[in-house]
């Protein structure tokens, strides 16, 4: 448990760490949601939101964890899992099947 509150990183710093990772490795349609501090494990738990142009966030595509003392992303879903969940959210929102999207790309 965190005993020295002066060394804890802020929720904004934790979200920034997740946003940096998302933009670098996953894509620009993802955004860190509202961080929540888990004081038992000393990590910020941050939802990964999937954004749709002109609509904003349409749902959670996963959750990342940021160490509350170091500010490093210490846990996150696999990139393929984040993208799979984003596609699922897209399909639910638009009523479109993955096969029709794949056919349109080819």
PDB file of N, CA and C in Angstrom:
ATOM      1  N   UNK A   1       0.836  -1.169   0.000  1.00  0.00           N
ATOM      2  CA  UNK A   1       0.000   0.000   0.000  1.00  0.00           C
ATOM      3  C   UNK A   1       0.884   1.236   0.000  1.00  0.00           C
ATOM      4  N   UNK A   2       0.409   2.276  -0.645  1.00  0.00           N
ATOM      5  CA  UNK A   2       1.174   3.516  -0.738  1.00  0.00           C
ATOM      6  C   UNK A   2       1.164   4.225   0.611  1.00  0.00           C
ATOM      7  N   UNK A   3       2.374   4.545   1.105  1.00  0.00           N
ATOM      8  CA  UNK A   3       2.453   5.244   2.373  1.00  0.00           C
ATOM      9  C   UNK A   3       2.946   6.670   2.195  1.00  0.00           C
ATOM     10  N   UNK A   4       3.681   6.945   1.133  1.00  0.00           N
ATOM     11  CA  UNK A   4       4.200   8.283   0.887  1.00  0.00           C
ATOM     12  C   UNK A   4       3.403   8.910  -0.251  1.00  0.00           C
ATOM     13  N   UNK A   5       2.356   9.643   0.107  1.00  0.00           N
ATOM     14  CA  UNK A   5       1.440  10.205  -0.888  1.00  0.00           C
ATOM     15  C   UNK A   5       2.151  11.193  -1.804  1.00  0.00           C
ATOM     16  N   UNK A   6       3.221  11.809  -1.354  1.00  0.00           N
ATOM     17  CA  UNK A   6       3.934  12.791  -2.169  1.00  0.00           C
ATOM     18  C   UNK A   6       4.529  12.154  -3.427  1.00  0.00           C
ATOM     19  N   UNK A   7       4.787  10.854  -3.400  1.00  0.00           N
ATOM     20  CA  UNK A   7       5.404  10.195  -4.542  1.00  0.00           C
ATOM     21  C   UNK A   7       4.413   9.582  -5.527  1.00  0.00           C
ATOM     22  N   UNK A   8       3.123   9.658  -5.237  1.00  0.00           N
ATOM     23  CA  UNK A   8       2.139   9.051  -6.122  1.00  0.00           C
ATOM     24  C   UNK A   8       1.947   9.932  -7.368  1.00  0.00           C
ATOM     25  N   UNK A   9       1.870   9.299  -8.523  1.00  0.00           N
ATOM     26  CA  UNK A   9       1.646  10.077  -9.737  1.00  0.00           C
ATOM     27  C   UNK A   9       0.161  10.428  -9.813  1.00  0.00           C
ATOM     28  N   UNK A  10      -0.156  11.498 -10.513  1.00  0.00           N
ATOM     29  CA  UNK A  10      -1.540  11.947 -10.610  1.00  0.00           C
ATOM     30  C   UNK A  10      -2.320  11.105 -11.611  1.00  0.00           C
ATOM     31  N   UNK A  11      -3.632  11.202 -11.544  1.00  0.00           N
ATOM     32  CA  UNK A  11      -4.477  10.487 -12.499  1.00  0.00           C
ATOM     33  C   UNK A  11      -4.217  10.985 -13.921  1.00  0.00           C
ATOM     34  N   UNK A  12      -3.925  12.270 -14.067  1.00  0.00           N
ATOM     35  CA  UNK A  12      -3.623  12.834 -15.398  1.00  0.00           C
ATOM     36  C   UNK A  12      -2.325  12.253 -15.959  1.00  0.00           C
ATOM     37  N   UNK A  13      -1.336  12.086 -15.088  1.00  0.00           N
ATOM     38  CA  UNK A  13      -0.070  11.500 -15.527  1.00  0.00           C
ATOM     39  C   UNK A  13      -0.277  10.037 -15.930  1.00  0.00           C
ATOM     40  N   UNK A  14      -1.094   9.329 -15.172  1.00  0.00           N
ATOM     41  CA  UNK A  14      -1.367   7.928 -15.492  1.00  0.00           C
ATOM     42  C   UNK A  14      -2.095   7.817 -16.830  1.00  0.00           C
ATOM     43  N   UNK A  15      -3.103   8.657 -17.040  1.00  0.00           N
ATOM     44  CA  UNK A  15      -3.834   8.648 -18.308  1.00  0.00           C
ATOM     45  C   UNK A  15      -2.916   9.019 -19.474  1.00  0.00           C
ATOM     46  N   UNK A  16      -2.016   9.970 -19.249  1.00  0.00           N
ATOM     47  CA  UNK A  16      -1.074  10.371 -20.301  1.00  0.00           C
ATOM     48  C   UNK A  16      -0.162   9.210 -20.691  1.00  0.00           C
ATOM     49  N   UNK A  17       0.263   8.419 -19.720  1.00  0.00           N
ATOM     50  CA  UNK A  17       1.114   7.253 -20.018  1.00  0.00           C
ATOM     51  C   UNK A  17       0.366   6.253 -20.898  1.00  0.00           C
ATOM     52  N   UNK A  18      -0.901   6.023 -20.585  1.00  0.00           N
ATOM     53  CA  UNK A  18      -1.706   5.095 -21.389  1.00  0.00           C
ATOM     54  C   UNK A  18      -1.952   5.677 -22.779  1.00  0.00           C
ATOM     55  N   UNK A  19      -2.273   6.967 -22.861  1.00  0.00           N
ATOM     56  CA  UNK A  19      -2.503   7.590 -24.170  1.00  0.00           C
ATOM     57  C   UNK A  19      -1.258   7.528 -25.052  1.00  0.00           C
ATOM     58  N   UNK A  20      -0.092   7.740 -24.459  1.00  0.00           N
ATOM     59  CA  UNK A  20       1.160   7.653 -25.222  1.00  0.00           C
ATOM     60  C   UNK A  20       1.342   6.241 -25.788  1.00  0.00           C
ATOM     61  N   UNK A  21       1.074   5.234 -24.960  1.00  0.00           N
ATOM     62  CA  UNK A  21       1.202   3.852 -25.419  1.00  0.00           C
ATOM     63  C   UNK A  21       0.178   3.554 -26.522  1.00  0.00           C
ATOM     64  N   UNK A  22      -1.062   4.002 -26.326  1.00  0.00           N
ATOM     65  CA  UNK A  22      -2.104   3.741 -27.321  1.00  0.00           C
ATOM     66  C   UNK A  22      -1.752   4.346 -28.676  1.00  0.00           C
ATOM     67  N   UNK A  23      -1.346   5.600 -28.696  1.00  0.00           N
ATOM     68  CA  UNK A  23      -1.009   6.265 -29.958  1.00  0.00           C
ATOM     69  C   UNK A  23       0.196   5.603 -30.613  1.00  0.00           C
ATOM     70  N   UNK A  24       1.154   5.184 -29.810  1.00  0.00           N
ATOM     71  CA  UNK A  24       2.380   4.583 -30.352  1.00  0.00           C
ATOM     72  C   UNK A  24       2.173   3.176 -30.903  1.00  0.00           C
ATOM     73  N   UNK A  25       1.278   2.396 -30.283  1.00  0.00           N
ATOM     74  CA  UNK A  25       1.187   0.981 -30.630  1.00  0.00           C
ATOM     75  C   UNK A  25      -0.179   0.498 -31.124  1.00  0.00           C
ATOM     76  N   UNK A  26      -1.239   1.193 -30.784  1.00  0.00           N
ATOM     77  CA  UNK A  26      -2.576   0.684 -31.116  1.00  0.00           C
ATOM     78  C   UNK A  26      -3.251   1.513 -32.195  1.00  0.00           C
ATOM     79  N   UNK A  27      -3.260   2.809 -32.067  1.00  0.00           N
ATOM     80  CA  UNK A  27      -3.870   3.665 -33.073  1.00  0.00           C
ATOM     81  C   UNK A  27      -4.504   4.893 -32.460  1.00  0.00           C
ATOM     82  N   UNK A  28      -4.926   5.790 -33.322  1.00  0.00           N
ATOM     83  CA  UNK A  28      -5.447   7.074 -32.856  1.00  0.00           C
ATOM     84  C   UNK A  28      -6.944   7.064 -32.549  1.00  0.00           C
ATOM     85  N   UNK A  29      -7.576   5.929 -32.643  1.00  0.00           N
ATOM     86  CA  UNK A  29      -9.004   5.838 -32.321  1.00  0.00           C
ATOM     87  C   UNK A  29      -9.237   5.308 -30.911  1.00  0.00           C
ATOM     88  N   UNK A  30      -8.219   5.397 -30.091  1.00  0.00           N
ATOM     89  CA  UNK A  30      -8.301   4.896 -28.724  1.00  0.00           C
ATOM     90  C   UNK A  30      -7.860   5.989 -27.764  1.00  0.00           C
ATOM     91  N   UNK A  31      -8.458   5.989 -26.571  1.00  0.00           N
ATOM     92  CA  UNK A  31      -8.201   7.038 -25.597  1.00  0.00           C
ATOM     93  C   UNK A  31      -8.312   6.463 -24.187  1.00  0.00           C
ATOM     94  N   UNK A  32      -7.442   6.935 -23.298  1.00  0.00           N
ATOM     95  CA  UNK A  32      -7.534   6.536 -21.891  1.00  0.00           C
ATOM     96  C   UNK A  32      -8.774   7.167 -21.269  1.00  0.00           C
ATOM     97  N   UNK A  33      -9.532   6.348 -20.536  1.00  0.00           N
ATOM     98  CA  UNK A  33     -10.708   6.840 -19.829  1.00  0.00           C
ATOM     99  C   UNK A  33     -10.323   7.385 -18.461  1.00  0.00           C
ATOM    100  N   UNK A  34     -11.293   7.488 -17.581  1.00  0.00           N
ATOM    101  CA  UNK A  34     -11.086   8.031 -16.234  1.00  0.00           C
ATOM    102  C   UNK A  34     -10.336   7.038 -15.348  1.00  0.00           C
ATOM    103  N   UNK A  35      -9.125   7.394 -14.900  1.00  0.00           N
ATOM    104  CA  UNK A  35      -8.359   6.505 -14.018  1.00  0.00           C
ATOM    105  C   UNK A  35      -9.001   6.365 -12.640  1.00  0.00           C
ATOM    106  N   UNK A  36      -8.845   5.168 -12.058  1.00  0.00           N
ATOM    107  CA  UNK A  36      -9.299   4.908 -10.696  1.00  0.00           C
ATOM    108  C   UNK A  36      -8.133   4.255  -9.955  1.00  0.00           C
ATOM    109  N   UNK A  37      -7.801   4.819  -8.813  1.00  0.00           N
ATOM    110  CA  UNK A  37      -6.677   4.295  -8.035  1.00  0.00           C
ATOM    111  C   UNK A  37      -7.100   3.058  -7.249  1.00  0.00           C
ATOM    112  N   UNK A  38      -6.348   1.968  -7.450  1.00  0.00           N
ATOM    113  CA  UNK A  38      -6.541   0.746  -6.670  1.00  0.00           C
ATOM    114  C   UNK A  38      -5.474   0.774  -5.575  1.00  0.00           C
ATOM    115  N   UNK A  39      -5.863   1.185  -4.377  1.00  0.00           N
ATOM    116  CA  UNK A  39      -4.894   1.366  -3.292  1.00  0.00           C
ATOM    117  C   UNK A  39      -4.342   0.049  -2.751  1.00  0.00           C
ATOM    118  N   UNK A  40      -5.020  -1.056  -3.017  1.00  0.00           N
ATOM    119  CA  UNK A  40      -4.515  -2.357  -2.559  1.00  0.00           C
ATOM    120  C   UNK A  40      -3.310  -2.810  -3.380  1.00  0.00           C
ATOM    121  N   UNK A  41      -3.313  -2.473  -4.671  1.00  0.00           N
ATOM    122  CA  UNK A  41      -2.217  -2.898  -5.543  1.00  0.00           C
ATOM    123  C   UNK A  41      -1.328  -1.738  -5.990  1.00  0.00           C
ATOM    124  N   UNK A  42      -1.664  -0.525  -5.574  1.00  0.00           N
ATOM    125  CA  UNK A  42      -0.899   0.674  -5.929  1.00  0.00           C
ATOM    126  C   UNK A  42      -0.797   0.883  -7.439  1.00  0.00           C
ATOM    127  N   UNK A  43      -1.918   0.707  -8.126  1.00  0.00           N
ATOM    128  CA  UNK A  43      -1.952   0.967  -9.561  1.00  0.00           C
ATOM    129  C   UNK A  43      -3.188   1.794  -9.902  1.00  0.00           C
ATOM    130  N   UNK A  44      -3.054   2.566 -10.953  1.00  0.00           N
ATOM    131  CA  UNK A  44      -4.187   3.247 -11.547  1.00  0.00           C
ATOM    132  C   UNK A  44      -4.794   2.287 -12.559  1.00  0.00           C
ATOM    133  N   UNK A  45      -6.080   2.021 -12.475  1.00  0.00           N
ATOM    134  CA  UNK A  45      -6.806   1.201 -13.444  1.00  0.00           C
ATOM    135  C   UNK A  45      -7.496   2.165 -14.399  1.00  0.00           C
ATOM    136  N   UNK A  46      -7.214   1.987 -15.694  1.00  0.00           N
ATOM    137  CA  UNK A  46      -7.677   2.954 -16.684  1.00  0.00           C
ATOM    138  C   UNK A  46      -8.360   2.233 -17.844  1.00  0.00           C
ATOM    139  N   UNK A  47      -9.630   2.523 -18.081  1.00  0.00           N
ATOM    140  CA  UNK A  47     -10.302   1.908 -19.232  1.00  0.00           C
ATOM    141  C   UNK A  47      -9.723   2.448 -20.538  1.00  0.00           C
ATOM    142  N   UNK A  48      -9.667   1.576 -21.535  1.00  0.00           N
ATOM    143  CA  UNK A  48      -9.243   1.977 -22.872  1.00  0.00           C
ATOM    144  C   UNK A  48     -10.515   2.148 -23.689  1.00  0.00           C
ATOM    145  N   UNK A  49     -10.773   3.385 -24.108  1.00  0.00           N
ATOM    146  CA  UNK A  49     -11.995   3.695 -24.839  1.00  0.00           C
ATOM    147  C   UNK A  49     -11.751   3.670 -26.340  1.00  0.00           C
ATOM    148  N   UNK A  50     -12.726   3.149 -27.080  1.00  0.00           N
ATOM    149  CA  UNK A  50     -12.686   3.164 -28.542  1.00  0.00           C
ATOM    150  C   UNK A  50     -13.514   4.350 -29.000  1.00  0.00           C
ATOM    151  N   UNK A  51     -12.916   5.199 -29.837  1.00  0.00           N
ATOM    152  CA  UNK A  51     -13.575   6.405 -30.326  1.00  0.00           C
ATOM    153  C   UNK A  51     -14.028   6.213 -31.762  1.00  0.00           C
ATOM    154  N   UNK A  52     -15.162   6.789 -32.080  1.00  0.00           N
ATOM    155  CA  UNK A  52     -15.627   6.777 -33.463  1.00  0.00           C
ATOM    156  C   UNK A  52     -15.747   8.228 -33.909  1.00  0.00           C
ATOM    157  N   UNK A  53     -15.226   8.563 -35.108  1.00  0.00           N
ATOM    158  CA  UNK A  53     -15.239   9.956 -35.564  1.00  0.00           C
ATOM    159  C   UNK A  53     -16.626  10.602 -35.452  1.00  0.00           C
ATOM    160  N   UNK A  54     -16.635  11.807 -34.995  1.00  0.00           N
ATOM    161  CA  UNK A  54     -17.820  12.641 -34.840  1.00  0.00           C
ATOM    162  C   UNK A  54     -18.824  12.110 -33.822  1.00  0.00           C
ATOM    163  N   UNK A  55     -18.508  11.017 -33.136  1.00  0.00           N
ATOM    164  CA  UNK A  55     -19.404  10.477 -32.110  1.00  0.00           C
ATOM    165  C   UNK A  55     -18.728  10.419 -30.744  1.00  0.00           C
ATOM    166  N   UNK A  56     -17.419  10.356 -30.720  1.00  0.00           N
ATOM    167  CA  UNK A  56     -16.706  10.230 -29.455  1.00  0.00           C
ATOM    168  C   UNK A  56     -16.606   8.783 -29.019  1.00  0.00           C
ATOM    169  N   UNK A  57     -16.375   8.554 -27.719  1.00  0.00           N
ATOM    170  CA  UNK A  57     -16.220   7.185 -27.213  1.00  0.00           C
ATOM    171  C   UNK A  57     -17.500   6.365 -27.394  1.00  0.00           C
ATOM    172  N   UNK A  58     -17.332   5.127 -27.903  1.00  0.00           N
ATOM    173  CA  UNK A  58     -18.506   4.259 -28.060  1.00  0.00           C
ATOM    174  C   UNK A  58     -18.445   3.040 -27.145  1.00  0.00           C
ATOM    175  N   UNK A  59     -17.356   2.886 -26.396  1.00  0.00           N
ATOM    176  CA  UNK A  59     -17.274   1.773 -25.465  1.00  0.00           C
ATOM    177  C   UNK A  59     -15.854   1.467 -25.047  1.00  0.00           C
ATOM    178  N   UNK A  60     -15.735   0.542 -24.100  1.00  0.00           N
ATOM    179  CA  UNK A  60     -14.429   0.124 -23.592  1.00  0.00           C
ATOM    180  C   UNK A  60     -13.888  -1.041 -24.397  1.00  0.00           C
ATOM    181  N   UNK A  61     -12.621  -0.910 -24.803  1.00  0.00           N
ATOM    182  CA  UNK A  61     -11.951  -1.957 -25.568  1.00  0.00           C
ATOM    183  C   UNK A  61     -10.917  -2.685 -24.718  1.00  0.00           C
ATOM    184  N   UNK A  62     -10.871  -2.389 -23.432  1.00  0.00           N
ATOM    185  CA  UNK A  62      -9.918  -3.040 -22.543  1.00  0.00           C
ATOM    186  C   UNK A  62      -9.618  -2.156 -21.354  1.00  0.00           C
ATOM    187  N   UNK A  63      -8.636  -2.584 -20.575  1.00  0.00           N
ATOM    188  CA  UNK A  63      -8.214  -1.817 -19.398  1.00  0.00           C
ATOM    189  C   UNK A  63      -6.705  -1.934 -19.245  1.00  0.00           C
ATOM    190  N   UNK A  64      -6.075  -0.808 -18.943  1.00  0.00           N
ATOM    191  CA  UNK A  64      -4.642  -0.787 -18.673  1.00  0.00           C
ATOM    192  C   UNK A  64      -4.439  -0.470 -17.198  1.00  0.00           C
ATOM    193  N   UNK A  65      -3.271  -0.812 -16.708  1.00  0.00           N
ATOM    194  CA  UNK A  65      -2.896  -0.471 -15.336  1.00  0.00           C
ATOM    195  C   UNK A  65      -1.565   0.270 -15.375  1.00  0.00           C
ATOM    196  N   UNK A  66      -1.480   1.327 -14.571  1.00  0.00           N
ATOM    197  CA  UNK A  66      -0.264   2.127 -14.494  1.00  0.00           C
ATOM    198  C   UNK A  66       0.209   2.123 -13.044  1.00  0.00           C
ATOM    199  N   UNK A  67       1.483   1.803 -12.847  1.00  0.00           N
ATOM    200  CA  UNK A  67       2.064   1.789 -11.507  1.00  0.00           C
ATOM    201  C   UNK A  67       1.969   3.197 -10.913  1.00  0.00           C
ATOM    202  N   UNK A  68       1.367   3.312  -9.752  1.00  0.00           N
ATOM    203  CA  UNK A  68       1.125   4.614  -9.129  1.00  0.00           C
ATOM    204  C   UNK A  68       2.396   5.284  -8.609  1.00  0.00           C
ATOM    205  N   UNK A  69       3.475   4.546  -8.524  1.00  0.00           N
ATOM    206  CA  UNK A  69       4.731   5.127  -8.053  1.00  0.00           C
ATOM    207  C   UNK A  69       5.703   5.439  -9.183  1.00  0.00           C
ATOM    208  N   UNK A  70       5.755   4.580 -10.200  1.00  0.00           N
ATOM    209  CA  UNK A  70       6.706   4.789 -11.295  1.00  0.00           C
ATOM    210  C   UNK A  70       6.090   5.466 -12.508  1.00  0.00           C
ATOM    211  N   UNK A  71       4.766   5.355 -12.671  1.00  0.00           N
ATOM    212  CA  UNK A  71       4.105   5.933 -13.836  1.00  0.00           C
ATOM    213  C   UNK A  71       4.198   5.083 -15.084  1.00  0.00           C
ATOM    214  N   UNK A  72       4.693   3.863 -14.949  1.00  0.00           N
ATOM    215  CA  UNK A  72       4.834   2.980 -16.106  1.00  0.00           C
ATOM    216  C   UNK A  72       3.585   2.126 -16.300  1.00  0.00           C
ATOM    217  N   UNK A  73       3.243   1.892 -17.582  1.00  0.00           N
ATOM    218  CA  UNK A  73       2.143   0.978 -17.894  1.00  0.00           C
ATOM    219  C   UNK A  73       2.624  -0.416 -17.504  1.00  0.00           C
ATOM    220  N   UNK A  74       1.957  -1.027 -16.533  1.00  0.00           N
ATOM    221  CA  UNK A  74       2.418  -2.320 -16.019  1.00  0.00           C
ATOM    222  C   UNK A  74       1.525  -3.479 -16.446  1.00  0.00           C
ATOM    223  N   UNK A  75       0.367  -3.167 -17.013  1.00  0.00           N
ATOM    224  CA  UNK A  75      -0.530  -4.216 -17.467  1.00  0.00           C
ATOM    225  C   UNK A  75      -1.445  -3.635 -18.537  1.00  0.00           C
ATOM    226  N   UNK A  76      -1.685  -4.432 -19.561  1.00  0.00           N
ATOM    227  CA  UNK A  76      -2.579  -4.019 -20.643  1.00  0.00           C
ATOM    228  C   UNK A  76      -2.951  -5.244 -21.449  1.00  0.00           C
ATOM    229  N   UNK A  77      -4.091  -5.192 -22.146  1.00  0.00           N
ATOM    230  CA  UNK A  77      -4.451  -6.321 -23.000  1.00  0.00           C
ATOM    231  C   UNK A  77      -3.534  -6.368 -24.224  1.00  0.00           C
ATOM    232  N   UNK A  78      -3.515  -7.499 -24.880  1.00  0.00           N
ATOM    233  CA  UNK A  78      -2.770  -7.613 -26.146  1.00  0.00           C
ATOM    234  C   UNK A  78      -3.400  -6.655 -27.161  1.00  0.00           C
ATOM    235  N   UNK A  79      -2.580  -6.107 -28.035  1.00  0.00           N
ATOM    236  CA  UNK A  79      -3.072  -5.190 -29.064  1.00  0.00           C
ATOM    237  C   UNK A  79      -4.159  -5.854 -29.900  1.00  0.00           C
ATOM    238  N   UNK A  80      -3.965  -7.113 -30.242  1.00  0.00           N
ATOM    239  CA  UNK A  80      -4.971  -7.828 -31.041  1.00  0.00           C
ATOM    240  C   UNK A  80      -6.307  -7.918 -30.298  1.00  0.00           C
ATOM    241  N   UNK A  81      -6.269  -8.068 -28.982  1.00  0.00           N
ATOM    242  CA  UNK A  81      -7.496  -8.133 -28.189  1.00  0.00           C
ATOM    243  C   UNK A  81      -8.198  -6.772 -28.139  1.00  0.00           C
ATOM    244  N   UNK A  82      -7.429  -5.700 -28.016  1.00  0.00           N
ATOM    245  CA  UNK A  82      -8.009  -4.352 -28.028  1.00  0.00           C
ATOM    246  C   UNK A  82      -8.710  -4.105 -29.365  1.00  0.00           C
ATOM    247  N   UNK A  83      -8.043  -4.469 -30.454  1.00  0.00           N
ATOM    248  CA  UNK A  83      -8.628  -4.252 -31.783  1.00  0.00           C
ATOM    249  C   UNK A  83      -9.823  -5.161 -32.032  1.00  0.00           C
ATOM    250  N   UNK A  84      -9.783  -6.386 -31.511  1.00  0.00           N
ATOM    251  CA  UNK A  84     -10.923  -7.291 -31.659  1.00  0.00           C
ATOM    252  C   UNK A  84     -12.139  -6.722 -30.940  1.00  0.00           C
ATOM    253  N   UNK A  85     -11.927  -6.227 -29.724  1.00  0.00           N
ATOM    254  CA  UNK A  85     -13.025  -5.650 -28.948  1.00  0.00           C
ATOM    255  C   UNK A  85     -13.548  -4.375 -29.622  1.00  0.00           C
ATOM    256  N   UNK A  86     -12.651  -3.565 -30.196  1.00  0.00           N
ATOM    257  CA  UNK A  86     -13.076  -2.357 -30.907  1.00  0.00           C
ATOM    258  C   UNK A  86     -13.959  -2.719 -32.099  1.00  0.00           C
ATOM    259  N   UNK A  87     -13.585  -3.767 -32.828  1.00  0.00           N
ATOM    260  CA  UNK A  87     -14.395  -4.204 -33.970  1.00  0.00           C
ATOM    261  C   UNK A  87     -15.764  -4.680 -33.488  1.00  0.00           C
ATOM    262  N   UNK A  88     -15.784  -5.370 -32.370  1.00  0.00           N
ATOM    263  CA  UNK A  88     -17.048  -5.830 -31.794  1.00  0.00           C
ATOM    264  C   UNK A  88     -17.928  -4.629 -31.419  1.00  0.00           C
ATOM    265  N   UNK A  89     -17.336  -3.612 -30.808  1.00  0.00           N
ATOM    266  CA  UNK A  89     -18.090  -2.403 -30.461  1.00  0.00           C
ATOM    267  C   UNK A  89     -18.628  -1.724 -31.720  1.00  0.00           C
ATOM    268  N   UNK A  90     -17.792  -1.663 -32.759  1.00  0.00           N
ATOM    269  CA  UNK A  90     -18.207  -1.067 -34.030  1.00  0.00           C
ATOM    270  C   UNK A  90     -19.408  -1.816 -34.604  1.00  0.00           C
ATOM    271  N   UNK A  91     -19.318  -3.145 -34.610  1.00  0.00           N
ATOM    272  CA  UNK A  91     -20.408  -3.962 -35.147  1.00  0.00           C
ATOM    273  C   UNK A  91     -21.697  -3.753 -34.357  1.00  0.00           C
ATOM    274  N   UNK A  92     -21.581  -3.715 -33.035  1.00  0.00           N
ATOM    275  CA  UNK A  92     -22.755  -3.503 -32.197  1.00  0.00           C
ATOM    276  C   UNK A  92     -23.372  -2.136 -32.459  1.00  0.00           C
ATOM    277  N   UNK A  93     -22.541  -1.137 -32.646  1.00  0.00           N
ATOM    278  CA  UNK A  93     -23.008   0.242 -32.843  1.00  0.00           C
ATOM    279  C   UNK A  93     -23.646   0.433 -34.211  1.00  0.00           C
ATOM    280  N   UNK A  94     -23.046  -0.175 -35.207  1.00  0.00           N
ATOM    281  CA  UNK A  94     -23.480   0.040 -36.586  1.00  0.00           C
ATOM    282  C   UNK A  94     -24.316  -1.090 -37.160  1.00  0.00           C
ATOM    283  N   UNK A  95     -24.363  -2.226 -36.477  1.00  0.00           N
ATOM    284  CA  UNK A  95     -25.109  -3.365 -37.004  1.00  0.00           C
ATOM    285  C   UNK A  95     -24.470  -3.935 -38.255  1.00  0.00           C
ATOM    286  N   UNK A  96     -23.128  -3.864 -38.316  1.00  0.00           N
ATOM    287  CA  UNK A  96     -22.372  -4.334 -39.470  1.00  0.00           C
ATOM    288  C   UNK A  96     -21.580  -5.560 -39.073  1.00  0.00           C
ATOM    289  N   UNK A  97     -21.515  -6.564 -39.940  1.00  0.00           N
ATOM    290  CA  UNK A  97     -20.733  -7.762 -39.632  1.00  0.00           C
ATOM    291  C   UNK A  97     -19.290  -7.586 -40.082  1.00  0.00           C
ATOM    292  N   UNK A  98     -18.388  -8.278 -39.394  1.00  0.00           N
ATOM    293  CA  UNK A  98     -16.969  -8.216 -39.732  1.00  0.00           C
ATOM    294  C   UNK A  98     -16.715  -8.676 -41.157  1.00  0.00           C
ATOM    295  N   UNK A  99     -17.436  -9.675 -41.635  1.00  0.00           N
ATOM    296  CA  UNK A  99     -17.219 -10.200 -42.978  1.00  0.00           C
ATOM    297  C   UNK A  99     -17.526  -9.147 -44.042  1.00  0.00           C
ATOM    298  N   UNK A 100     -18.529  -8.314 -43.827  1.00  0.00           N
ATOM    299  CA  UNK A 100     -18.833  -7.291 -44.824  1.00  0.00           C
ATOM    300  C   UNK A 100     -17.766  -6.194 -44.832  1.00  0.00           C
ATOM    301  N   UNK A 101     -17.156  -5.913 -43.660  1.00  0.00           N
ATOM    302  CA  UNK A 101     -16.080  -4.943 -43.603  1.00  0.00           C
ATOM    303  C   UNK A 101     -14.862  -5.500 -44.307  1.00  0.00           C
ATOM    304  N   UNK A 102     -14.523  -6.765 -44.078  1.00  0.00           N
ATOM    305  CA  UNK A 102     -13.378  -7.390 -44.730  1.00  0.00           C
ATOM    306  C   UNK A 102     -13.570  -7.417 -46.246  1.00  0.00           C
ATOM    307  N   UNK A 103     -14.759  -7.711 -46.713  1.00  0.00           N
ATOM    308  CA  UNK A 103     -15.038  -7.749 -48.142  1.00  0.00           C
ATOM    309  C   UNK A 103     -14.876  -6.373 -48.777  1.00  0.00           C
ATOM    310  N   UNK A 104     -15.272  -5.345 -48.053  1.00  0.00           N
ATOM    311  CA  UNK A 104     -15.146  -3.979 -48.568  1.00  0.00           C
ATOM    312  C   UNK A 104     -13.702  -3.548 -48.683  1.00  0.00           C
ATOM    313  N   UNK A 105     -12.820  -4.072 -47.829  1.00  0.00           N
ATOM    314  CA  UNK A 105     -11.396  -3.725 -47.868  1.00  0.00           C
ATOM    315  C   UNK A 105     -10.689  -4.385 -49.050  1.00  0.00           C
ATOM    316  N   UNK A 106     -11.184  -5.529 -49.496  1.00  0.00           N
ATOM    317  CA  UNK A 106     -10.507  -6.282 -50.568  1.00  0.00           C
ATOM    318  C   UNK A 106     -10.907  -5.846 -51.920  1.00  0.00           C
TER     319      UNK A 106
END
